[in-house]
Structures are given as structure tokens and as C-alpha cells.
Amino acid sequence: MNWADMLGCDVTGRACFRRRFNRPTGMESHERVWVIVERIGAGSRVVLNDRPLGGVGEGGAAAEFDITGLLADSNELTLEVEVPQPRASGPFGDVRLEIRG
């Protein structure tokens, strides 16, 4: 996503992205659920069900969070992105859930 194309090059401030999902079913006992946050072009904070998982620094590498023990039947994942100065590109790559064995 290129925010400059949508909003102009002088956008600053905070954006909050939310995604609701249910606990994965059919998992085996050795499998774990991870949140993967790829490239971040701004500082961010990752939150699951109002519980902070951690931050991801500006321009940092991918961050991974094991959320298996934190999952409820119904969940909300939040990515809070802080853009303190104007930039010409979007702030991040993919954010996804992975189930790993």
C-alpha cells in the first residue's frame, strides 16, 4: 500500500488496523500460532485482545509473536502504526497468522 497515492505525501499521525479472527480449529498439540509482521516503515505496536505483544521499530526486520497461549475463542489483533514525519510510501508489508508444527 502506498499511502502517498491515496492521501498525499504530507501524511503524519497514527493509524490503527484491526482484524478479528476465531481460534484455529483442528490444531495438533505440537502446533503453535504465530503473528508475523513483515517490514515496517514506521514505528508500531502489536496488540492481541488488548494485551501488548511488543513493538516493531521503524524500518526493522520482520517480527514474530507466538500467541498460542493467548488465544481466546474470539480474538482481535491490532497493529498501531505511528508515522511521525511525512513519507512517500506505505508503512508496512504483510501481517499474517501462521500455524507452525
C-alpha atoms as a PDB file:
ATOM      1  CA  MET A   1       0.000   0.000   0.000  1.00  0.00           C
ATOM      2  CA  ASN A   2       1.351   3.418  -0.890  1.00  0.00           C
ATOM      3  CA  TRP A   3      -0.285   5.987   1.370  1.00  0.00           C
ATOM      4  CA  ALA A   4       1.065   8.907  -0.662  1.00  0.00           C
ATOM      5  CA  ASP A   5      -1.032   7.821  -3.661  1.00  0.00           C
ATOM      6  CA  MET A   6      -4.179   7.817  -1.519  1.00  0.00           C
ATOM      7  CA  LEU A   7      -3.579  10.632   0.972  1.00  0.00           C
ATOM      8  CA  GLY A   8      -0.718  12.788  -0.315  1.00  0.00           C
ATOM      9  CA  CYS A   9       2.935  12.937   0.764  1.00  0.00           C
ATOM     10  CA  ASP A  10       2.436  15.012   3.924  1.00  0.00           C
ATOM     11  CA  VAL A  11       0.508  12.436   5.981  1.00  0.00           C
ATOM     12  CA  THR A  12       1.579  12.004   9.605  1.00  0.00           C
ATOM     13  CA  GLY A  13      -0.065  10.603  12.698  1.00  0.00           C
ATOM     14  CA  ARG A  14      -1.345   7.265  13.936  1.00  0.00           C
ATOM     15  CA  ALA A  15      -3.202   4.549  12.078  1.00  0.00           C
ATOM     16  CA  CYS A  16      -4.846   1.610  13.768  1.00  0.00           C
ATOM     17  CA  PHE A  17      -5.572  -1.607  11.849  1.00  0.00           C
ATOM     18  CA  ARG A  18      -7.788  -4.277  13.413  1.00  0.00           C
ATOM     19  CA  ARG A  19      -8.587  -7.820  12.389  1.00  0.00           C
ATOM     20  CA  ARG A  20     -10.943 -10.171  14.184  1.00  0.00           C
ATOM     21  CA  PHE A  21     -10.494 -13.933  13.970  1.00  0.00           C
ATOM     22  CA  ASN A  22     -11.523 -17.094  15.770  1.00  0.00           C
ATOM     23  CA  ARG A  23      -9.253 -19.629  17.426  1.00  0.00           C
ATOM     24  CA  PRO A  24      -7.977 -22.020  14.751  1.00  0.00           C
ATOM     25  CA  THR A  25      -9.568 -25.447  14.897  1.00  0.00           C
ATOM     26  CA  GLY A  26      -8.083 -28.847  14.178  1.00  0.00           C
ATOM     27  CA  MET A  27      -4.635 -27.965  15.514  1.00  0.00           C
ATOM     28  CA  GLU A  28      -2.413 -30.734  16.835  1.00  0.00           C
ATOM     29  CA  SER A  29      -0.787 -30.455  20.270  1.00  0.00           C
ATOM     30  CA  HIS A  30       2.663 -29.644  18.836  1.00  0.00           C
ATOM     31  CA  GLU A  31       1.406 -26.788  16.629  1.00  0.00           C
ATOM     32  CA  ARG A  32       1.740 -23.112  17.579  1.00  0.00           C
ATOM     33  CA  VAL A  33       0.047 -19.957  16.256  1.00  0.00           C
ATOM     34  CA  TRP A  34       2.291 -17.012  15.356  1.00  0.00           C
ATOM     35  CA  VAL A  35       1.641 -13.410  14.306  1.00  0.00           C
ATOM     36  CA  ILE A  36       4.152 -12.352  11.651  1.00  0.00           C
ATOM     37  CA  VAL A  37       4.668  -8.647  10.927  1.00  0.00           C
ATOM     38  CA  GLU A  38       6.847  -8.038   7.878  1.00  0.00           C
ATOM     39  CA  ARG A  39       8.727  -4.854   7.027  1.00  0.00           C
ATOM     40  CA  ILE A  40       7.604  -1.782   8.962  1.00  0.00           C
ATOM     41  CA  GLY A  41       8.262   1.701   7.559  1.00  0.00           C
ATOM     42  CA  ALA A  42       7.133   3.368  10.776  1.00  0.00           C
ATOM     43  CA  GLY A  43       7.160   2.541  14.477  1.00  0.00           C
ATOM     44  CA  SER A  44       4.369   0.212  15.525  1.00  0.00           C
ATOM     45  CA  ARG A  45       2.839  -1.716  18.381  1.00  0.00           C
ATOM     46  CA  VAL A  46       1.188  -5.129  18.051  1.00  0.00           C
ATOM     47  CA  VAL A  47      -1.716  -5.943  20.401  1.00  0.00           C
ATOM     48  CA  LEU A  48      -3.837  -9.090  20.798  1.00  0.00           C
ATOM     49  CA  ASN A  49      -7.085  -8.840  22.766  1.00  0.00           C
ATOM     50  CA  ASP A  50      -5.942  -5.606  24.476  1.00  0.00           C
ATOM     51  CA  ARG A  51      -2.656  -7.252  25.536  1.00  0.00           C
ATOM     52  CA  PRO A  52       0.507  -5.706  24.023  1.00  0.00           C
ATOM     53  CA  LEU A  53       2.700  -8.276  22.279  1.00  0.00           C
ATOM     54  CA  GLY A  54       5.535  -5.882  21.518  1.00  0.00           C
ATOM     55  CA  GLY A  55       6.754  -3.177  19.238  1.00  0.00           C
ATOM     56  CA  VAL A  56       8.352  -3.176  15.834  1.00  0.00           C
ATOM     57  CA  GLY A  57      10.926  -0.475  15.136  1.00  0.00           C
ATOM     58  CA  GLU A  58      10.894   1.754  12.102  1.00  0.00           C
ATOM     59  CA  GLY A  59      12.462   0.066   9.087  1.00  0.00           C
ATOM     60  CA  GLY A  60      13.011  -3.065  11.150  1.00  0.00           C
ATOM     61  CA  ALA A  61      13.061  -6.667  10.084  1.00  0.00           C
ATOM     62  CA  ALA A  62      10.058  -8.925  10.438  1.00  0.00           C
ATOM     63  CA  ALA A  63       8.778  -9.504  13.968  1.00  0.00           C
ATOM     64  CA  GLU A  64       7.198 -12.735  15.158  1.00  0.00           C
ATOM     65  CA  PHE A  65       4.998 -13.310  18.191  1.00  0.00           C
ATOM     66  CA  ASP A  66       3.893 -16.733  19.494  1.00  0.00           C
ATOM     67  CA  ILE A  67       0.268 -16.144  20.518  1.00  0.00           C
ATOM     68  CA  THR A  68      -0.830 -19.747  21.112  1.00  0.00           C
ATOM     69  CA  GLY A  69      -1.272 -19.353  24.873  1.00  0.00           C
ATOM     70  CA  LEU A  70      -3.079 -16.013  24.494  1.00  0.00           C
ATOM     71  CA  LEU A  71      -5.821 -17.120  22.103  1.00  0.00           C
ATOM     72  CA  ALA A  72      -9.466 -16.872  23.095  1.00  0.00           C
ATOM     73  CA  ASP A  73     -12.392 -18.317  21.153  1.00  0.00           C
ATOM     74  CA  SER A  74     -12.822 -14.875  19.528  1.00  0.00           C
ATOM     75  CA  ASN A  75      -9.758 -12.597  19.068  1.00  0.00           C
ATOM     76  CA  GLU A  76      -8.849  -9.117  17.893  1.00  0.00           C
ATOM     77  CA  LEU A  77      -5.385  -8.351  16.527  1.00  0.00           C
ATOM     78  CA  THR A  78      -4.450  -4.662  16.406  1.00  0.00           C
ATOM     79  CA  LEU A  79      -1.489  -3.017  14.670  1.00  0.00           C
ATOM     80  CA  GLU A  80      -0.952   0.584  15.784  1.00  0.00           C
ATOM     81  CA  VAL A  81       1.338   2.413  13.355  1.00  0.00           C
ATOM     82  CA  GLU A  82       2.888   5.773  14.227  1.00  0.00           C
ATOM     83  CA  VAL A  83       4.031   7.937  11.273  1.00  0.00           C
ATOM     84  CA  PRO A  84       5.852  10.891  12.888  1.00  0.00           C
ATOM     85  CA  GLN A  85       7.049  12.527   9.662  1.00  0.00           C
ATOM     86  CA  PRO A  86       5.791  12.629   6.079  1.00  0.00           C
ATOM     87  CA  ARG A  87       6.840   9.729   3.877  1.00  0.00           C
ATOM     88  CA  ALA A  88       6.183   8.727   0.308  1.00  0.00           C
ATOM     89  CA  SER A  89       5.493   5.039   0.839  1.00  0.00           C
ATOM     90  CA  GLY A  90       3.238   2.780   2.839  1.00  0.00           C
ATOM     91  CA  PRO A  91       4.288   1.797   6.333  1.00  0.00           C
ATOM     92  CA  PHE A  92       4.409  -1.981   6.183  1.00  0.00           C
ATOM     93  CA  GLY A  93       4.383  -5.302   4.388  1.00  0.00           C
ATOM     94  CA  ASP A  94       2.156  -8.257   5.202  1.00  0.00           C
ATOM     95  CA  VAL A  95       0.757  -9.019   8.633  1.00  0.00           C
ATOM     96  CA  ARG A  96      -0.395 -12.619   8.925  1.00  0.00           C
ATOM     97  CA  LEU A  97      -1.108 -15.571  11.178  1.00  0.00           C
ATOM     98  CA  GLU A  98       0.888 -18.769  10.732  1.00  0.00           C
ATOM     99  CA  ILE A  99       0.370 -22.177  12.276  1.00  0.00           C
ATOM    100  CA  ARG A 100       3.709 -23.941  12.710  1.00  0.00           C
ATOM    101  CA  GLY A 101       4.432 -27.525  13.679  1.00  0.00           C
END
